[in-house]
Amino acid sequence: MRYAHFVGDGDAKTIAAVKKQKFYGLCFGDEGLQLRTPARYGMAVKLEAVCRNCNNTLSSQFSSAKNVASLSRPKPFVVNEATVMSSLLSGMGPYCLNNFCEALEMPSLHQKTFNKFANRLYSQNQRLSNEIFSKAASIVRREHIRLYSLEVSEDDVIDISLSFDGSWLTRGHKSLIGIGCVIDVVTGLVIDGHVCSLHCHICAQTGKFIRRETPQRYLQWKQEHIARGECTINFAGSSGLMEVKAAEVLWSRSIEPHKLRYTTIVSDGDSKAHTRLLELMPYGPDEEVLKEDCINHVGKRLGPSQCSLR
């Protein structure tokens, strides 16, 4: 059996697997085997080992396995999911990925396919983060009950102290994405977090194109885009108020899923979030959210004053 003329580009493991197969009753002339790629699905390529002499297909398989654990139909190829994930982690969108693949003379993904995989990954990551936050809140609740010897049932709400702060994707006051997190002071675990976004990649690309070419269709497209849950814009306001909005969301949902009440907040000196919480009164007028200054920020204020007294 000749494999010396086995030519073509493809996955090395797939080619090796084809070479290990035994073919009986098929023609093997002097031409040997040829590797063909009759179909492509994104980064996944269908590979066929074909006899050059009789043109019979000896083996047919894809260069990538399918994600059988996925709930999507049809099952996506692992290489396509991994490509989109690595692109997002590297800060690349569909256009940057296409330029990257073009420079390497590789196949790439269509923009719609990329966005479909990206939305699917966002949903999976959201479910995973909710599970992690739920486990962290359970640990925090258990540790507080043990540390302070609280006699409570599973449905009782307990009060905890935590640290809260916000961060932005870029410096300055023009960041399009910001995040706020609450961290338990006893265990140091992140209990919850909320992302505020002023940017939607689909709106910035597809929406901009539709608005320019067919303005009369833009409003309808925008409504359908939001109804499908594809739009990532969830905030309207200045970037500086993202921290305040995140605090509103986090305090408003602390009791229902976690059975925790954030009664004391440790933050910096001029916390607009605490001022907003006093106005909002998330736990009613009888339960005020207290504020304690972070010792690092206190040191920053007292340090220069003490030095000036020397």
C-alpha atoms as a PDB file:
ATOM      1  CA  MET A   1       0.000   0.000   0.000  1.00  0.00           C
ATOM      2  CA  ARG A   2       1.514   3.303  -1.058  1.00  0.00           C
ATOM      3  CA  TYR A   3       1.274   6.501   0.984  1.00  0.00           C
ATOM      4  CA  ALA A   4       4.285   8.236  -0.507  1.00  0.00           C
ATOM      5  CA  HIS A   5       2.054  10.302  -2.800  1.00  0.00           C
ATOM      6  CA  PHE A   6      -0.319  11.322   0.012  1.00  0.00           C
ATOM      7  CA  VAL A   7      -0.375  15.096  -0.527  1.00  0.00           C
ATOM      8  CA  GLY A   8      -2.375  18.073   0.704  1.00  0.00           C
ATOM      9  CA  ASP A   9      -2.686  20.399   3.666  1.00  0.00           C
ATOM     10  CA  GLY A  10      -4.692  19.400   6.716  1.00  0.00           C
ATOM     11  CA  ASP A  11      -4.643  18.406  10.332  1.00  0.00           C
ATOM     12  CA  ALA A  12      -1.616  16.206  11.080  1.00  0.00           C
ATOM     13  CA  LYS A  13      -3.523  13.941  13.464  1.00  0.00           C
ATOM     14  CA  THR A  14      -6.294  13.429  10.924  1.00  0.00           C
ATOM     15  CA  ILE A  15      -3.819  12.525   8.200  1.00  0.00           C
ATOM     16  CA  ALA A  16      -2.039  10.125  10.547  1.00  0.00           C
ATOM     17  CA  ALA A  17      -5.363   8.483  11.406  1.00  0.00           C
ATOM     18  CA  VAL A  18      -6.160   8.018   7.726  1.00  0.00           C
ATOM     19  CA  LYS A  19      -2.766   6.470   7.117  1.00  0.00           C
ATOM     20  CA  LYS A  20      -3.342   3.908   9.863  1.00  0.00           C
ATOM     21  CA  GLN A  21      -6.564   2.673   8.289  1.00  0.00           C
ATOM     22  CA  LYS A  22      -6.570  -0.504   6.222  1.00  0.00           C
ATOM     23  CA  PHE A  23      -8.459  -0.557   2.949  1.00  0.00           C
ATOM     24  CA  TYR A  24      -9.484  -3.857   1.400  1.00  0.00           C
ATOM     25  CA  GLY A  25     -10.762  -4.553  -2.095  1.00  0.00           C
ATOM     26  CA  LEU A  26      -9.955  -1.072  -3.369  1.00  0.00           C
ATOM     27  CA  CYS A  27      -7.740  -0.037  -6.220  1.00  0.00           C
ATOM     28  CA  PHE A  28      -4.229   1.191  -5.461  1.00  0.00           C
ATOM     29  CA  GLY A  29      -2.531   2.076  -8.667  1.00  0.00           C
ATOM     30  CA  ASP A  30       0.756   3.809  -9.213  1.00  0.00           C
ATOM     31  CA  GLU A  31      -0.796   7.212  -8.583  1.00  0.00           C
ATOM     32  CA  GLY A  32      -1.188   6.694  -4.808  1.00  0.00           C
ATOM     33  CA  LEU A  33      -3.587   8.674  -2.608  1.00  0.00           C
ATOM     34  CA  GLN A  34      -4.672  12.288  -2.724  1.00  0.00           C
ATOM     35  CA  LEU A  35      -6.056  14.378   0.132  1.00  0.00           C
ATOM     36  CA  ARG A  36      -8.967  16.580  -0.963  1.00  0.00           C
ATOM     37  CA  THR A  37     -10.901  19.269   0.885  1.00  0.00           C
ATOM     38  CA  PRO A  38     -14.384  19.327  -0.712  1.00  0.00           C
ATOM     39  CA  ALA A  39     -16.079  21.391   2.014  1.00  0.00           C
ATOM     40  CA  ARG A  40     -15.243  23.927   4.691  1.00  0.00           C
ATOM     41  CA  TYR A  41     -17.218  25.088   7.725  1.00  0.00           C
ATOM     42  CA  GLY A  42     -15.364  28.056   9.128  1.00  0.00           C
ATOM     43  CA  MET A  43     -11.974  26.840  10.310  1.00  0.00           C
ATOM     44  CA  ALA A  44     -13.049  23.185  10.067  1.00  0.00           C
ATOM     45  CA  VAL A  45     -12.233  21.407   6.812  1.00  0.00           C
ATOM     46  CA  LYS A  46     -13.677  18.160   5.466  1.00  0.00           C
ATOM     47  CA  LEU A  47     -10.815  15.860   4.466  1.00  0.00           C
ATOM     48  CA  GLU A  48     -11.177  13.033   1.964  1.00  0.00           C
ATOM     49  CA  ALA A  49      -8.529  10.475   1.055  1.00  0.00           C
ATOM     50  CA  VAL A  50      -9.121   9.625  -2.613  1.00  0.00           C
ATOM     51  CA  CYS A  51      -7.389   7.038  -4.777  1.00  0.00           C
ATOM     52  CA  ARG A  52      -5.772   8.841  -7.700  1.00  0.00           C
ATOM     53  CA  ASN A  53      -6.165   5.785  -9.922  1.00  0.00           C
ATOM     54  CA  CYS A  54      -9.881   4.918  -9.551  1.00  0.00           C
ATOM     55  CA  ASN A  55     -11.090   8.120  -7.827  1.00  0.00           C
ATOM     56  CA  ASN A  56     -12.764   6.159  -5.015  1.00  0.00           C
ATOM     57  CA  THR A  57     -13.060   7.865  -1.620  1.00  0.00           C
ATOM     58  CA  LEU A  58     -11.173   5.773   0.925  1.00  0.00           C
ATOM     59  CA  SER A  59     -11.778   7.910   4.028  1.00  0.00           C
ATOM     60  CA  SER A  60     -13.764  11.028   4.881  1.00  0.00           C
ATOM     61  CA  GLN A  61     -13.650  13.018   8.109  1.00  0.00           C
ATOM     62  CA  PHE A  62     -13.366  16.568   9.427  1.00  0.00           C
ATOM     63  CA  SER A  63     -10.186  18.212  10.638  1.00  0.00           C
ATOM     64  CA  SER A  64     -11.884  19.130  13.935  1.00  0.00           C
ATOM     65  CA  ALA A  65     -14.171  17.322  16.317  1.00  0.00           C
ATOM     66  CA  LYS A  66     -17.621  18.655  17.173  1.00  0.00           C
ATOM     67  CA  ASN A  67     -18.606  19.901  20.600  1.00  0.00           C
ATOM     68  CA  VAL A  68     -21.075  17.179  21.536  1.00  0.00           C
ATOM     69  CA  ALA A  69     -21.788  18.859  24.886  1.00  0.00           C
ATOM     70  CA  SER A  70     -23.172  21.964  23.191  1.00  0.00           C
ATOM     71  CA  LEU A  71     -26.918  22.553  23.258  1.00  0.00           C
ATOM     72  CA  SER A  72     -26.831  24.114  19.785  1.00  0.00           C
ATOM     73  CA  ARG A  73     -28.129  22.390  16.686  1.00  0.00           C
ATOM     74  CA  PRO A  74     -26.171  21.486  14.656  1.00  0.00           C
ATOM     75  CA  LYS A  75     -23.238  20.797  16.950  1.00  0.00           C
ATOM     76  CA  PRO A  76     -20.488  23.400  16.441  1.00  0.00           C
ATOM     77  CA  PHE A  77     -16.923  22.478  15.606  1.00  0.00           C
ATOM     78  CA  VAL A  78     -14.459  22.840  18.474  1.00  0.00           C
ATOM     79  CA  VAL A  79     -11.947  24.734  16.339  1.00  0.00           C
ATOM     80  CA  ASN A  80     -14.519  27.429  15.489  1.00  0.00           C
ATOM     81  CA  GLU A  81     -15.471  27.946  19.134  1.00  0.00           C
ATOM     82  CA  ALA A  82     -11.809  28.010  20.170  1.00  0.00           C
ATOM     83  CA  THR A  83     -10.984  30.520  17.426  1.00  0.00           C
ATOM     84  CA  VAL A  84     -13.705  32.941  18.505  1.00  0.00           C
ATOM     85  CA  MET A  85     -12.796  32.557  22.177  1.00  0.00           C
ATOM     86  CA  SER A  86      -9.100  33.218  21.556  1.00  0.00           C
ATOM     87  CA  SER A  87      -9.981  36.211  19.358  1.00  0.00           C
ATOM     88  CA  LEU A  88     -12.174  37.742  22.043  1.00  0.00           C
ATOM     89  CA  LEU A  89      -9.541  37.167  24.723  1.00  0.00           C
ATOM     90  CA  SER A  90      -6.986  38.872  22.470  1.00  0.00           C
ATOM     91  CA  GLY A  91      -9.252  41.845  21.828  1.00  0.00           C
ATOM     92  CA  MET A  92      -9.884  40.948  18.185  1.00  0.00           C
ATOM     93  CA  GLY A  93     -13.234  41.192  16.432  1.00  0.00           C
ATOM     94  CA  PRO A  94     -14.290  39.484  13.186  1.00  0.00           C
ATOM     95  CA  TYR A  95     -12.477  41.966  10.958  1.00  0.00           C
ATOM     96  CA  CYS A  96      -9.165  41.710  12.814  1.00  0.00           C
ATOM     97  CA  LEU A  97      -9.479  37.920  12.778  1.00  0.00           C
ATOM     98  CA  ASN A  98     -10.040  37.939   9.010  1.00  0.00           C
ATOM     99  CA  ASN A  99      -6.960  40.117   8.491  1.00  0.00           C
ATOM    100  CA  PHE A 100      -4.927  37.812  10.716  1.00  0.00           C
ATOM    101  CA  CYS A 101      -6.050  34.685   8.852  1.00  0.00           C
ATOM    102  CA  GLU A 102      -5.569  36.355   5.478  1.00  0.00           C
ATOM    103  CA  ALA A 103      -1.959  37.179   6.307  1.00  0.00           C
ATOM    104  CA  LEU A 104      -1.369  33.528   7.226  1.00  0.00           C
ATOM    105  CA  GLU A 105      -3.311  32.282   4.172  1.00  0.00           C
ATOM    106  CA  MET A 106      -5.792  30.481   6.407  1.00  0.00           C
ATOM    107  CA  PRO A 107      -9.580  30.162   6.179  1.00  0.00           C
ATOM    108  CA  SER A 108     -11.557  32.374   8.525  1.00  0.00           C
ATOM    109  CA  LEU A 109     -15.091  32.918   9.813  1.00  0.00           C
ATOM    110  CA  HIS A 110     -17.835  35.077   8.349  1.00  0.00           C
ATOM    111  CA  GLN A 111     -18.822  38.078  10.426  1.00  0.00           C
ATOM    112  CA  LYS A 112     -22.313  36.690  11.161  1.00  0.00           C
ATOM    113  CA  THR A 113     -20.840  33.338  12.167  1.00  0.00           C
ATOM    114  CA  PHE A 114     -18.327  35.053  14.438  1.00  0.00           C
ATOM    115  CA  ASN A 115     -21.049  37.113  16.142  1.00  0.00           C
ATOM    116  CA  LYS A 116     -23.232  34.018  16.562  1.00  0.00           C
ATOM    117  CA  PHE A 117     -20.435  32.146  18.318  1.00  0.00           C
ATOM    118  CA  ALA A 118     -19.554  35.240  20.361  1.00  0.00           C
ATOM    119  CA  ASN A 119     -23.130  35.644  21.647  1.00  0.00           C
ATOM    120  CA  ARG A 120     -23.240  31.957  22.488  1.00  0.00           C
ATOM    121  CA  LEU A 121     -19.969  32.230  24.422  1.00  0.00           C
ATOM    122  CA  TYR A 122     -21.239  35.315  26.259  1.00  0.00           C
ATOM    123  CA  SER A 123     -24.317  33.384  27.383  1.00  0.00           C
ATOM    124  CA  GLN A 124     -22.217  30.440  28.534  1.00  0.00           C
ATOM    125  CA  ASN A 125     -19.840  32.729  30.427  1.00  0.00           C
ATOM    126  CA  GLN A 126     -22.776  34.492  32.071  1.00  0.00           C
ATOM    127  CA  ARG A 127     -24.199  31.190  33.300  1.00  0.00           C
ATOM    128  CA  LEU A 128     -20.773  30.141  34.571  1.00  0.00           C
ATOM    129  CA  SER A 129     -20.214  33.432  36.405  1.00  0.00           C
ATOM    130  CA  ASN A 130     -23.641  33.128  38.046  1.00  0.00           C
ATOM    131  CA  GLU A 131     -22.733  29.654  39.286  1.00  0.00           C
ATOM    132  CA  ILE A 132     -19.399  30.893  40.663  1.00  0.00           C
ATOM    133  CA  PHE A 133     -21.012  33.880  42.400  1.00  0.00           C
ATOM    134  CA  SER A 134     -23.669  31.599  43.881  1.00  0.00           C
ATOM    135  CA  LYS A 135     -21.027  29.246  45.297  1.00  0.00           C
ATOM    136  CA  ALA A 136     -19.019  32.185  46.659  1.00  0.00           C
ATOM    137  CA  ALA A 137     -22.110  33.636  48.360  1.00  0.00           C
ATOM    138  CA  SER A 138     -22.871  30.253  49.943  1.00  0.00           C
ATOM    139  CA  ILE A 139     -19.329  30.069  51.338  1.00  0.00           C
ATOM    140  CA  VAL A 140     -19.552  33.635  52.660  1.00  0.00           C
ATOM    141  CA  ARG A 141     -22.887  32.928  54.313  1.00  0.00           C
ATOM    142  CA  ARG A 142     -21.572  29.730  55.901  1.00  0.00           C
ATOM    143  CA  GLU A 143     -18.401  31.427  57.207  1.00  0.00           C
ATOM    144  CA  HIS A 144     -20.327  34.323  58.743  1.00  0.00           C
ATOM    145  CA  ILE A 145     -22.712  31.936  60.478  1.00  0.00           C
ATOM    146  CA  ARG A 146     -19.775  29.933  61.848  1.00  0.00           C
ATOM    147  CA  LEU A 147     -17.638  32.940  62.821  1.00  0.00           C
ATOM    148  CA  TYR A 148     -20.384  34.881  64.615  1.00  0.00           C
ATOM    149  CA  SER A 149     -22.310  31.810  65.857  1.00  0.00           C
ATOM    150  CA  LEU A 150     -25.520  32.931  64.205  1.00  0.00           C
ATOM    151  CA  GLU A 151     -28.657  30.872  64.717  1.00  0.00           C
ATOM    152  CA  VAL A 152     -30.476  31.315  61.431  1.00  0.00           C
ATOM    153  CA  SER A 153     -32.388  29.165  58.995  1.00  0.00           C
ATOM    154  CA  GLU A 154     -31.686  28.815  55.284  1.00  0.00           C
ATOM    155  CA  ASP A 155     -34.310  31.446  54.453  1.00  0.00           C
ATOM    156  CA  ASP A 156     -33.071  34.047  56.939  1.00  0.00           C
ATOM    157  CA  VAL A 157     -31.144  37.056  55.655  1.00  0.00           C
ATOM    158  CA  ILE A 158     -27.830  37.886  57.340  1.00  0.00           C
ATOM    159  CA  ASP A 159     -25.948  41.197  57.385  1.00  0.00           C
ATOM    160  CA  ILE A 160     -22.376  41.373  56.125  1.00  0.00           C
ATOM    161  CA  SER A 161     -19.684  43.987  55.535  1.00  0.00           C
ATOM    162  CA  LEU A 162     -18.018  44.196  52.171  1.00  0.00           C
ATOM    163  CA  SER A 163     -15.722  46.225  49.987  1.00  0.00           C
ATOM    164  CA  PHE A 164     -17.050  47.855  46.852  1.00  0.00           C
ATOM    165  CA  ASP A 165     -15.249  49.609  44.038  1.00  0.00           C
ATOM    166  CA  GLY A 166     -15.518  50.206  40.333  1.00  0.00           C
ATOM    167  CA  SER A 167     -13.083  49.971  37.463  1.00  0.00           C
ATOM    168  CA  TRP A 168     -13.074  50.993  33.815  1.00  0.00           C
ATOM    169  CA  LEU A 169     -11.709  49.479  30.632  1.00  0.00           C
ATOM    170  CA  THR A 170      -9.756  52.633  29.770  1.00  0.00           C
ATOM    171  CA  ARG A 171      -8.519  55.586  31.788  1.00  0.00           C
ATOM    172  CA  GLY A 172     -10.191  58.947  31.779  1.00  0.00           C
ATOM    173  CA  HIS A 173     -13.887  59.696  31.680  1.00  0.00           C
ATOM    174  CA  LYS A 174     -14.696  58.341  28.223  1.00  0.00           C
ATOM    175  CA  SER A 175     -14.544  54.591  28.829  1.00  0.00           C
ATOM    176  CA  LEU A 176     -17.335  52.641  27.154  1.00  0.00           C
ATOM    177  CA  ILE A 177     -17.218  49.757  29.647  1.00  0.00           C
ATOM    178  CA  GLY A 178     -17.089  49.775  33.442  1.00  0.00           C
ATOM    179  CA  ILE A 179     -17.540  47.200  36.192  1.00  0.00           C
ATOM    180  CA  GLY A 180     -18.442  47.217  39.868  1.00  0.00           C
ATOM    181  CA  CYS A 181     -17.706  44.358  42.291  1.00  0.00           C
ATOM    182  CA  VAL A 182     -18.533  43.531  45.906  1.00  0.00           C
ATOM    183  CA  ILE A 183     -15.948  41.605  47.955  1.00  0.00           C
ATOM    184  CA  ASP A 184     -16.622  40.077  51.363  1.00  0.00           C
ATOM    185  CA  VAL A 185     -14.240  41.434  54.021  1.00  0.00           C
ATOM    186  CA  VAL A 186     -14.115  38.153  55.970  1.00  0.00           C
ATOM    187  CA  THR A 187     -13.329  35.649  53.227  1.00  0.00           C
ATOM    188  CA  GLY A 188     -12.049  37.960  50.486  1.00  0.00           C
ATOM    189  CA  LEU A 189     -14.353  36.307  47.953  1.00  0.00           C
ATOM    190  CA  VAL A 190     -16.032  38.236  45.158  1.00  0.00           C
ATOM    191  CA  ILE A 191     -19.755  37.769  45.745  1.00  0.00           C
ATOM    192  CA  ASP A 192     -21.182  39.595  42.767  1.00  0.00           C
ATOM    193  CA  GLY A 193     -20.303  41.935  39.928  1.00  0.00           C
ATOM    194  CA  HIS A 194     -22.050  43.998  37.291  1.00  0.00           C
ATOM    195  CA  VAL A 195     -20.767  45.301  33.951  1.00  0.00           C
ATOM    196  CA  CYS A 196     -22.049  48.566  32.500  1.00  0.00           C
ATOM    197  CA  SER A 197     -21.622  48.973  28.761  1.00  0.00           C
ATOM    198  CA  LEU A 198     -22.133  51.885  26.402  1.00  0.00           C
ATOM    199  CA  HIS A 199     -20.917  49.896  23.410  1.00  0.00           C
ATOM    200  CA  CYS A 200     -22.406  47.201  21.198  1.00  0.00           C
ATOM    201  CA  HIS A 201     -20.205  45.856  18.441  1.00  0.00           C
ATOM    202  CA  ILE A 202     -23.164  44.840  16.274  1.00  0.00           C
ATOM    203  CA  CYS A 203     -24.716  48.293  16.616  1.00  0.00           C
ATOM    204  CA  ALA A 204     -21.391  49.925  15.790  1.00  0.00           C
ATOM    205  CA  GLN A 205     -20.922  47.839  12.644  1.00  0.00           C
ATOM    206  CA  THR A 206     -24.176  46.449  11.232  1.00  0.00           C
ATOM    207  CA  GLY A 207     -26.371  49.163  12.729  1.00  0.00           C
ATOM    208  CA  LYS A 208     -24.148  51.910  11.379  1.00  0.00           C
ATOM    209  CA  PHE A 209     -24.280  50.365   7.892  1.00  0.00           C
ATOM    210  CA  ILE A 210     -28.093  50.024   7.925  1.00  0.00           C
ATOM    211  CA  ARG A 211     -28.516  53.557   9.214  1.00  0.00           C
ATOM    212  CA  ARG A 212     -26.379  54.912   6.387  1.00  0.00           C
ATOM    213  CA  GLU A 213     -27.798  52.803   3.543  1.00  0.00           C
ATOM    214  CA  THR A 214     -31.472  52.429   4.529  1.00  0.00           C
ATOM    215  CA  PRO A 215     -32.356  54.899   7.316  1.00  0.00           C
ATOM    216  CA  GLN A 216     -36.051  53.942   7.207  1.00  0.00           C
ATOM    217  CA  ARG A 217     -35.204  50.374   8.272  1.00  0.00           C
ATOM    218  CA  TYR A 218     -32.896  51.341  11.114  1.00  0.00           C
ATOM    219  CA  LEU A 219     -35.504  51.781  13.877  1.00  0.00           C
ATOM    220  CA  GLN A 220     -37.150  48.456  13.053  1.00  0.00           C
ATOM    221  CA  TRP A 221     -33.776  46.717  12.956  1.00  0.00           C
ATOM    222  CA  LYS A 222     -32.784  48.307  16.279  1.00  0.00           C
ATOM    223  CA  GLN A 223     -35.965  47.110  17.986  1.00  0.00           C
ATOM    224  CA  GLU A 224     -35.530  43.573  16.646  1.00  0.00           C
ATOM    225  CA  HIS A 225     -31.853  43.625  17.635  1.00  0.00           C
ATOM    226  CA  ILE A 226     -32.752  44.514  21.229  1.00  0.00           C
ATOM    227  CA  ALA A 227     -35.674  42.044  21.327  1.00  0.00           C
ATOM    228  CA  ARG A 228     -33.352  39.186  20.339  1.00  0.00           C
ATOM    229  CA  GLY A 229     -31.114  40.010  23.304  1.00  0.00           C
ATOM    230  CA  GLU A 230     -28.112  40.708  21.092  1.00  0.00           C
ATOM    231  CA  CYS A 231     -27.489  44.319  22.127  1.00  0.00           C
ATOM    232  CA  THR A 232     -24.840  44.660  24.845  1.00  0.00           C
ATOM    233  CA  ILE A 233     -25.682  48.277  25.732  1.00  0.00           C
ATOM    234  CA  ASN A 234     -27.221  48.285  29.223  1.00  0.00           C
ATOM    235  CA  PHE A 235     -26.342  51.769  30.451  1.00  0.00           C
ATOM    236  CA  ALA A 236     -27.147  55.351  29.475  1.00  0.00           C
ATOM    237  CA  GLY A 237     -25.124  58.116  31.067  1.00  0.00           C
ATOM    238  CA  SER A 238     -21.578  59.292  31.619  1.00  0.00           C
ATOM    239  CA  SER A 239     -18.743  56.857  32.253  1.00  0.00           C
ATOM    240  CA  GLY A 240     -18.204  58.265  35.733  1.00  0.00           C
ATOM    241  CA  LEU A 241     -21.685  57.158  36.796  1.00  0.00           C
ATOM    242  CA  MET A 242     -21.099  53.517  35.857  1.00  0.00           C
ATOM    243  CA  GLU A 243     -19.836  52.776  39.370  1.00  0.00           C
ATOM    244  CA  VAL A 244     -22.999  54.275  40.854  1.00  0.00           C
ATOM    245  CA  LYS A 245     -25.220  52.263  38.516  1.00  0.00           C
ATOM    246  CA  ALA A 246     -23.345  49.062  39.343  1.00  0.00           C
ATOM    247  CA  ALA A 247     -23.919  49.697  43.064  1.00  0.00           C
ATOM    248  CA  GLU A 248     -27.647  50.153  42.456  1.00  0.00           C
ATOM    249  CA  VAL A 249     -27.880  46.837  40.629  1.00  0.00           C
ATOM    250  CA  LEU A 250     -25.756  44.872  43.105  1.00  0.00           C
ATOM    251  CA  TRP A 251     -27.563  46.124  46.223  1.00  0.00           C
ATOM    252  CA  SER A 252     -30.992  45.659  44.660  1.00  0.00           C
ATOM    253  CA  ARG A 253     -30.372  41.943  44.007  1.00  0.00           C
ATOM    254  CA  SER A 254     -28.432  40.983  47.135  1.00  0.00           C
ATOM    255  CA  ILE A 255     -31.312  39.511  49.137  1.00  0.00           C
ATOM    256  CA  GLU A 256     -33.220  37.472  46.567  1.00  0.00           C
ATOM    257  CA  PRO A 257     -30.506  35.141  45.225  1.00  0.00           C
ATOM    258  CA  HIS A 258     -27.974  35.151  48.090  1.00  0.00           C
ATOM    259  CA  LYS A 259     -29.980  35.904  51.276  1.00  0.00           C
ATOM    260  CA  LEU A 260     -27.361  38.518  52.156  1.00  0.00           C
ATOM    261  CA  ARG A 261     -27.744  42.152  53.155  1.00  0.00           C
ATOM    262  CA  TYR A 262     -24.841  44.489  52.432  1.00  0.00           C
ATOM    263  CA  THR A 263     -25.180  46.751  55.475  1.00  0.00           C
ATOM    264  CA  THR A 264     -21.619  48.123  55.641  1.00  0.00           C
ATOM    265  CA  ILE A 265     -19.578  49.265  52.668  1.00  0.00           C
ATOM    266  CA  VAL A 266     -15.821  49.820  52.735  1.00  0.00           C
ATOM    267  CA  SER A 267     -14.803  52.232  49.985  1.00  0.00           C
ATOM    268  CA  ASP A 268     -12.803  55.352  49.201  1.00  0.00           C
ATOM    269  CA  GLY A 269     -13.408  58.746  50.745  1.00  0.00           C
ATOM    270  CA  ASP A 270     -15.649  60.387  48.148  1.00  0.00           C
ATOM    271  CA  SER A 271     -17.892  57.474  47.263  1.00  0.00           C
ATOM    272  CA  LYS A 272     -20.758  58.618  45.041  1.00  0.00           C
ATOM    273  CA  ALA A 273     -22.067  55.070  45.211  1.00  0.00           C
ATOM    274  CA  HIS A 274     -22.720  55.333  48.958  1.00  0.00           C
ATOM    275  CA  THR A 275     -24.531  58.632  48.505  1.00  0.00           C
ATOM    276  CA  ARG A 276     -26.748  57.018  45.895  1.00  0.00           C
ATOM    277  CA  LEU A 277     -27.444  54.036  48.162  1.00  0.00           C
ATOM    278  CA  LEU A 278     -28.579  56.383  50.926  1.00  0.00           C
ATOM    279  CA  GLU A 279     -31.053  57.906  48.472  1.00  0.00           C
ATOM    280  CA  LEU A 280     -32.144  54.544  47.106  1.00  0.00           C
ATOM    281  CA  MET A 281     -32.625  52.839  50.512  1.00  0.00           C
ATOM    282  CA  PRO A 282     -32.462  49.283  49.076  1.00  0.00           C
ATOM    283  CA  TYR A 283     -33.376  47.702  52.435  1.00  0.00           C
ATOM    284  CA  GLY A 284     -35.998  50.210  53.487  1.00  0.00           C
ATOM    285  CA  PRO A 285     -35.858  53.403  55.556  1.00  0.00           C
ATOM    286  CA  ASP A 286     -35.054  51.531  58.773  1.00  0.00           C
ATOM    287  CA  GLU A 287     -31.901  49.815  57.443  1.00  0.00           C
ATOM    288  CA  GLU A 288     -29.278  52.379  56.464  1.00  0.00           C
ATOM    289  CA  VAL A 289     -26.182  51.284  54.572  1.00  0.00           C
ATOM    290  CA  LEU A 290     -23.156  52.369  56.619  1.00  0.00           C
ATOM    291  CA  LYS A 291     -19.853  53.453  55.131  1.00  0.00           C
ATOM    292  CA  GLU A 292     -16.336  52.892  56.421  1.00  0.00           C
ATOM    293  CA  ASP A 293     -13.272  54.428  54.811  1.00  0.00           C
ATOM    294  CA  CYS A 294     -10.583  52.201  53.373  1.00  0.00           C
ATOM    295  CA  ILE A 295      -7.416  52.460  55.495  1.00  0.00           C
ATOM    296  CA  ASN A 296      -5.287  52.978  52.395  1.00  0.00           C
ATOM    297  CA  HIS A 297      -7.295  56.041  51.371  1.00  0.00           C
ATOM    298  CA  VAL A 298      -7.192  57.371  54.927  1.00  0.00           C
ATOM    299  CA  GLY A 299      -3.418  56.990  54.877  1.00  0.00           C
ATOM    300  CA  LYS A 300      -3.203  58.890  51.606  1.00  0.00           C
ATOM    301  CA  ARG A 301      -5.090  61.812  53.121  1.00  0.00           C
ATOM    302  CA  LEU A 302      -3.298  61.861  56.472  1.00  0.00           C
ATOM    303  CA  GLY A 303       0.196  61.208  55.131  1.00  0.00           C
ATOM    304  CA  PRO A 304       0.727  64.536  53.334  1.00  0.00           C
ATOM    305  CA  SER A 305      -0.871  66.435  56.230  1.00  0.00           C
ATOM    306  CA  GLN A 306       1.493  64.863  58.751  1.00  0.00           C
ATOM    307  CA  CYS A 307       4.489  65.556  56.553  1.00  0.00           C
ATOM    308  CA  SER A 308       3.514  69.225  56.298  1.00  0.00           C
ATOM    309  CA  LEU A 309       3.572  69.533  60.117  1.00  0.00           C
ATOM    310  CA  ARG A 310       7.242  68.594  60.384  1.00  0.00           C
END
